Amino acid sequence: MFDFSPDTIGYVFIGLMISTILLLAFAKRKNNYPYFAREFLLTKAESKFYKVLKAVTKNKYDIACKVRLADIINCSELNWRRGYGGQIACKHIDFVLFDSNTSRILLAIELDDRSHDKPARQKRDKFVNKAMKKADVVLLRVPVEWGYDMGKLDKEIKVALHHAK
């Protein structure tokens, strides 16, 4: 049989107490998510462009903001499991024009700021360009500007929409 000295029983008791405290702390930590609300959906540049986009499109189309790429293009379940889905699941497109009656995607718009000059972003942009082209979704890239020429933007959108048909 086991012969426990008072010291051994004390160490076992302390070990059990520490284990219980750690388990309770871990269980409590699992329920404390590290999330917080963002104040705004759009950046200042995106918000400024959104207002111009609304004015240019004159409510002819609905505009969705920050749309997940995987909600615009897709791949088979097999290819999703092969890793192609993961490449589109965590990327977003700034704006999507869609038909309000059918929700048919008409045009994707990416607002390009200075971050698009970075090599990693250029690699991402190249991937997005190729994926959208392969899926036959027209992507219009618009550089961020201090002031937008609404006539020019309207013409670019009309040309892009013509190519989308």
C-alpha atoms as a PDB file:
ATOM      1  CA  MET A   1       0.000   0.000   0.000  1.00  0.00           C
ATOM      2  CA  PHE A   2       0.926   3.623  -0.271  1.00  0.00           C
ATOM      3  CA  ASP A   3       2.287   5.360   2.749  1.00  0.00           C
ATOM      4  CA  PHE A   4       1.780   9.111   2.411  1.00  0.00           C
ATOM      5  CA  SER A   5       3.553  11.456   4.766  1.00  0.00           C
ATOM      6  CA  PRO A   6       1.834  14.690   5.774  1.00  0.00           C
ATOM      7  CA  ASP A   7       4.221  16.588   3.453  1.00  0.00           C
ATOM      8  CA  THR A   8       3.234  14.430   0.461  1.00  0.00           C
ATOM      9  CA  ILE A   9      -0.472  14.944   1.169  1.00  0.00           C
ATOM     10  CA  GLY A  10       0.175  18.697   1.405  1.00  0.00           C
ATOM     11  CA  TYR A  11       1.980  18.744  -1.972  1.00  0.00           C
ATOM     12  CA  VAL A  12      -0.813  16.734  -3.610  1.00  0.00           C
ATOM     13  CA  PHE A  13      -3.398  19.115  -2.127  1.00  0.00           C
ATOM     14  CA  ILE A  14      -1.485  22.187  -3.348  1.00  0.00           C
ATOM     15  CA  GLY A  15      -1.104  20.590  -6.806  1.00  0.00           C
ATOM     16  CA  LEU A  16      -4.825  19.895  -6.987  1.00  0.00           C
ATOM     17  CA  MET A  17      -5.620  23.463  -5.915  1.00  0.00           C
ATOM     18  CA  ILE A  18      -3.298  24.945  -8.563  1.00  0.00           C
ATOM     19  CA  SER A  19      -4.750  22.645 -11.222  1.00  0.00           C
ATOM     20  CA  THR A  20      -8.298  23.654 -10.264  1.00  0.00           C
ATOM     21  CA  ILE A  21      -7.420  27.359 -10.375  1.00  0.00           C
ATOM     22  CA  LEU A  22      -5.757  26.973 -13.792  1.00  0.00           C
ATOM     23  CA  LEU A  23      -8.722  25.034 -15.170  1.00  0.00           C
ATOM     24  CA  LEU A  24     -11.176  27.659 -13.901  1.00  0.00           C
ATOM     25  CA  ALA A  25      -9.038  30.483 -15.298  1.00  0.00           C
ATOM     26  CA  PHE A  26      -8.825  28.733 -18.690  1.00  0.00           C
ATOM     27  CA  ALA A  27     -12.569  28.089 -18.750  1.00  0.00           C
ATOM     28  CA  LYS A  28     -13.260  31.723 -17.892  1.00  0.00           C
ATOM     29  CA  ARG A  29     -10.718  32.921 -20.483  1.00  0.00           C
ATOM     30  CA  LYS A  30     -12.453  30.869 -23.202  1.00  0.00           C
ATOM     31  CA  ASN A  31     -15.588  32.923 -22.642  1.00  0.00           C
ATOM     32  CA  ASN A  32     -13.770  36.263 -22.655  1.00  0.00           C
ATOM     33  CA  TYR A  33     -13.325  37.068 -26.318  1.00  0.00           C
ATOM     34  CA  PRO A  34     -10.706  39.720 -27.166  1.00  0.00           C
ATOM     35  CA  TYR A  35     -13.018  41.554 -29.600  1.00  0.00           C
ATOM     36  CA  PHE A  36     -14.225  45.120 -29.639  1.00  0.00           C
ATOM     37  CA  ALA A  37     -16.449  47.137 -31.967  1.00  0.00           C
ATOM     38  CA  ARG A  38     -14.952  49.199 -34.737  1.00  0.00           C
ATOM     39  CA  GLU A  39     -16.210  52.739 -34.767  1.00  0.00           C
ATOM     40  CA  PHE A  40     -16.643  52.940 -38.560  1.00  0.00           C
ATOM     41  CA  LEU A  41     -17.105  50.371 -41.318  1.00  0.00           C
ATOM     42  CA  LEU A  42     -15.167  52.390 -43.885  1.00  0.00           C
ATOM     43  CA  THR A  43     -11.894  54.265 -43.746  1.00  0.00           C
ATOM     44  CA  LYS A  44     -12.042  58.010 -44.442  1.00  0.00           C
ATOM     45  CA  ALA A  45     -10.860  57.453 -48.027  1.00  0.00           C
ATOM     46  CA  GLU A  46     -13.415  54.662 -48.575  1.00  0.00           C
ATOM     47  CA  SER A  47     -16.206  56.755 -47.070  1.00  0.00           C
ATOM     48  CA  LYS A  48     -15.341  59.705 -49.312  1.00  0.00           C
ATOM     49  CA  PHE A  49     -15.293  57.462 -52.397  1.00  0.00           C
ATOM     50  CA  TYR A  50     -18.554  55.771 -51.357  1.00  0.00           C
ATOM     51  CA  LYS A  51     -20.355  59.120 -51.336  1.00  0.00           C
ATOM     52  CA  VAL A  52     -18.988  59.921 -54.808  1.00  0.00           C
ATOM     53  CA  LEU A  53     -19.926  56.427 -56.031  1.00  0.00           C
ATOM     54  CA  LYS A  54     -23.487  56.871 -54.762  1.00  0.00           C
ATOM     55  CA  ALA A  55     -23.761  60.219 -56.533  1.00  0.00           C
ATOM     56  CA  VAL A  56     -22.333  58.843 -59.786  1.00  0.00           C
ATOM     57  CA  THR A  57     -24.527  55.730 -59.879  1.00  0.00           C
ATOM     58  CA  LYS A  58     -27.632  57.766 -58.934  1.00  0.00           C
ATOM     59  CA  ASN A  59     -29.178  54.797 -57.109  1.00  0.00           C
ATOM     60  CA  LYS A  60     -29.286  52.714 -60.322  1.00  0.00           C
ATOM     61  CA  TYR A  61     -27.459  49.969 -58.435  1.00  0.00           C
ATOM     62  CA  ASP A  62     -27.099  48.895 -54.861  1.00  0.00           C
ATOM     63  CA  ILE A  63     -23.623  49.223 -53.423  1.00  0.00           C
ATOM     64  CA  ALA A  64     -22.137  46.711 -51.003  1.00  0.00           C
ATOM     65  CA  CYS A  65     -19.034  47.639 -49.052  1.00  0.00           C
ATOM     66  CA  LYS A  66     -16.116  45.432 -48.039  1.00  0.00           C
ATOM     67  CA  VAL A  67     -17.410  42.266 -49.629  1.00  0.00           C
ATOM     68  CA  ARG A  68     -15.548  39.027 -48.997  1.00  0.00           C
ATOM     69  CA  LEU A  69     -13.953  37.810 -52.214  1.00  0.00           C
ATOM     70  CA  ALA A  70     -15.426  34.340 -51.579  1.00  0.00           C
ATOM     71  CA  ASP A  71     -18.884  35.939 -51.744  1.00  0.00           C
ATOM     72  CA  ILE A  72     -18.109  37.245 -55.235  1.00  0.00           C
ATOM     73  CA  ILE A  73     -16.261  34.282 -56.742  1.00  0.00           C
ATOM     74  CA  ASN A  74     -16.166  30.640 -55.741  1.00  0.00           C
ATOM     75  CA  CYS A  75     -14.662  27.274 -56.571  1.00  0.00           C
ATOM     76  CA  SER A  76     -15.765  23.663 -56.291  1.00  0.00           C
ATOM     77  CA  GLU A  77     -15.843  22.004 -52.903  1.00  0.00           C
ATOM     78  CA  LEU A  78     -12.924  19.808 -53.966  1.00  0.00           C
ATOM     79  CA  ASN A  79     -10.848  22.835 -54.949  1.00  0.00           C
ATOM     80  CA  TRP A  80     -11.913  24.582 -51.760  1.00  0.00           C
ATOM     81  CA  ARG A  81     -10.424  21.690 -49.770  1.00  0.00           C
ATOM     82  CA  ARG A  82      -7.296  21.812 -51.954  1.00  0.00           C
ATOM     83  CA  GLY A  83      -6.651  25.312 -50.625  1.00  0.00           C
ATOM     84  CA  TYR A  84      -8.102  27.506 -53.359  1.00  0.00           C
ATOM     85  CA  GLY A  85     -10.986  28.526 -51.116  1.00  0.00           C
ATOM     86  CA  GLY A  86      -8.678  29.737 -48.399  1.00  0.00           C
ATOM     87  CA  GLN A  87      -7.047  32.074 -50.896  1.00  0.00           C
ATOM     88  CA  ILE A  88     -10.336  33.911 -51.415  1.00  0.00           C
ATOM     89  CA  ALA A  89     -11.980  33.522 -48.008  1.00  0.00           C
ATOM     90  CA  CYS A  90      -9.943  36.154 -46.182  1.00  0.00           C
ATOM     91  CA  LYS A  91      -9.699  38.791 -48.897  1.00  0.00           C
ATOM     92  CA  HIS A  92     -12.174  41.595 -49.448  1.00  0.00           C
ATOM     93  CA  ILE A  93     -13.156  43.869 -52.312  1.00  0.00           C
ATOM     94  CA  ASP A  94     -13.945  47.444 -51.369  1.00  0.00           C
ATOM     95  CA  PHE A  95     -17.228  47.903 -53.276  1.00  0.00           C
ATOM     96  CA  VAL A  96     -19.600  45.792 -55.353  1.00  0.00           C
ATOM     97  CA  LEU A  97     -22.360  47.163 -57.550  1.00  0.00           C
ATOM     98  CA  PHE A  98     -25.274  44.748 -57.734  1.00  0.00           C
ATOM     99  CA  ASP A  99     -28.808  44.612 -59.072  1.00  0.00           C
ATOM    100  CA  SER A 100     -31.234  45.402 -56.257  1.00  0.00           C
ATOM    101  CA  ASN A 101     -33.934  43.097 -57.654  1.00  0.00           C
ATOM    102  CA  THR A 102     -31.843  39.983 -58.251  1.00  0.00           C
ATOM    103  CA  SER A 103     -28.643  40.651 -56.237  1.00  0.00           C
ATOM    104  CA  ARG A 104     -26.731  39.815 -59.445  1.00  0.00           C
ATOM    105  CA  ILE A 105     -23.152  41.087 -59.168  1.00  0.00           C
ATOM    106  CA  LEU A 106     -22.515  43.711 -61.816  1.00  0.00           C
ATOM    107  CA  LEU A 107     -19.126  45.183 -61.001  1.00  0.00           C
ATOM    108  CA  ALA A 108     -16.455  44.943 -58.330  1.00  0.00           C
ATOM    109  CA  ILE A 109     -14.514  48.091 -57.457  1.00  0.00           C
ATOM    110  CA  GLU A 110     -11.197  48.180 -55.645  1.00  0.00           C
ATOM    111  CA  LEU A 111     -10.017  51.509 -54.273  1.00  0.00           C
ATOM    112  CA  ASP A 112      -6.232  51.585 -54.571  1.00  0.00           C
ATOM    113  CA  ASP A 113      -4.337  53.708 -52.065  1.00  0.00           C
ATOM    114  CA  ARG A 114      -0.572  53.890 -51.405  1.00  0.00           C
ATOM    115  CA  SER A 115      -0.637  50.497 -49.670  1.00  0.00           C
ATOM    116  CA  HIS A 116      -1.067  48.968 -53.136  1.00  0.00           C
ATOM    117  CA  ASP A 117       2.510  50.074 -53.947  1.00  0.00           C
ATOM    118  CA  LYS A 118       3.938  47.588 -51.432  1.00  0.00           C
ATOM    119  CA  PRO A 119       5.251  44.281 -52.865  1.00  0.00           C
ATOM    120  CA  ALA A 120       2.991  42.087 -50.705  1.00  0.00           C
ATOM    121  CA  ARG A 121      -0.054  44.095 -51.723  1.00  0.00           C
ATOM    122  CA  GLN A 122       0.963  43.983 -55.382  1.00  0.00           C
ATOM    123  CA  LYS A 123       1.181  40.201 -55.129  1.00  0.00           C
ATOM    124  CA  ARG A 124      -2.312  40.116 -53.582  1.00  0.00           C
ATOM    125  CA  ASP A 125      -3.654  42.469 -56.261  1.00  0.00           C
ATOM    126  CA  LYS A 126      -2.183  40.311 -59.029  1.00  0.00           C
ATOM    127  CA  PHE A 127      -3.874  37.242 -57.540  1.00  0.00           C
ATOM    128  CA  VAL A 128      -7.218  39.065 -57.202  1.00  0.00           C
ATOM    129  CA  ASN A 129      -6.989  40.376 -60.781  1.00  0.00           C
ATOM    130  CA  LYS A 130      -6.346  36.888 -62.173  1.00  0.00           C
ATOM    131  CA  ALA A 131      -9.012  35.204 -60.021  1.00  0.00           C
ATOM    132  CA  MET A 132     -11.664  37.758 -60.937  1.00  0.00           C
ATOM    133  CA  LYS A 133     -10.797  37.529 -64.631  1.00  0.00           C
ATOM    134  CA  LYS A 134     -10.961  33.716 -64.520  1.00  0.00           C
ATOM    135  CA  ALA A 135     -14.384  33.947 -62.853  1.00  0.00           C
ATOM    136  CA  ASP A 136     -15.575  36.520 -65.443  1.00  0.00           C
ATOM    137  CA  VAL A 137     -16.216  39.214 -62.857  1.00  0.00           C
ATOM    138  CA  VAL A 138     -15.184  42.678 -63.988  1.00  0.00           C
ATOM    139  CA  LEU A 139     -12.967  44.480 -61.508  1.00  0.00           C
ATOM    140  CA  LEU A 140     -12.499  48.222 -61.756  1.00  0.00           C
ATOM    141  CA  ARG A 141      -9.468  49.617 -59.952  1.00  0.00           C
ATOM    142  CA  VAL A 142      -9.767  53.247 -58.929  1.00  0.00           C
ATOM    143  CA  PRO A 143      -6.824  55.143 -57.459  1.00  0.00           C
ATOM    144  CA  VAL A 144      -7.535  57.118 -54.299  1.00  0.00           C
ATOM    145  CA  GLU A 145      -7.712  60.825 -55.061  1.00  0.00           C
ATOM    146  CA  TRP A 146      -8.252  63.984 -53.059  1.00  0.00           C
ATOM    147  CA  GLY A 147     -11.088  64.885 -55.381  1.00  0.00           C
ATOM    148  CA  TYR A 148     -12.818  62.628 -57.876  1.00  0.00           C
ATOM    149  CA  ASP A 149     -13.821  63.643 -61.384  1.00  0.00           C
ATOM    150  CA  MET A 150     -17.398  62.372 -61.310  1.00  0.00           C
ATOM    151  CA  GLY A 151     -17.736  62.457 -65.096  1.00  0.00           C
ATOM    152  CA  LYS A 152     -14.573  60.386 -65.530  1.00  0.00           C
ATOM    153  CA  LEU A 153     -15.674  57.887 -62.864  1.00  0.00           C
ATOM    154  CA  ASP A 154     -19.127  57.620 -64.442  1.00  0.00           C
ATOM    155  CA  LYS A 155     -17.537  56.861 -67.820  1.00  0.00           C
ATOM    156  CA  GLU A 156     -15.172  54.244 -66.296  1.00  0.00           C
ATOM    157  CA  ILE A 157     -18.097  52.533 -64.573  1.00  0.00           C
ATOM    158  CA  LYS A 158     -20.189  52.532 -67.760  1.00  0.00           C
ATOM    159  CA  VAL A 159     -17.294  51.028 -69.764  1.00  0.00           C
ATOM    160  CA  ALA A 160     -16.690  48.407 -67.061  1.00  0.00           C
ATOM    161  CA  LEU A 161     -20.406  47.544 -66.901  1.00  0.00           C
ATOM    162  CA  HIS A 162     -20.479  47.203 -70.687  1.00  0.00           C
ATOM    163  CA  HIS A 163     -17.610  44.662 -70.444  1.00  0.00           C
ATOM    164  CA  ALA A 164     -19.486  42.821 -67.709  1.00  0.00           C
ATOM    165  CA  LYS A 165     -22.393  41.962 -70.016  1.00  0.00           C
END
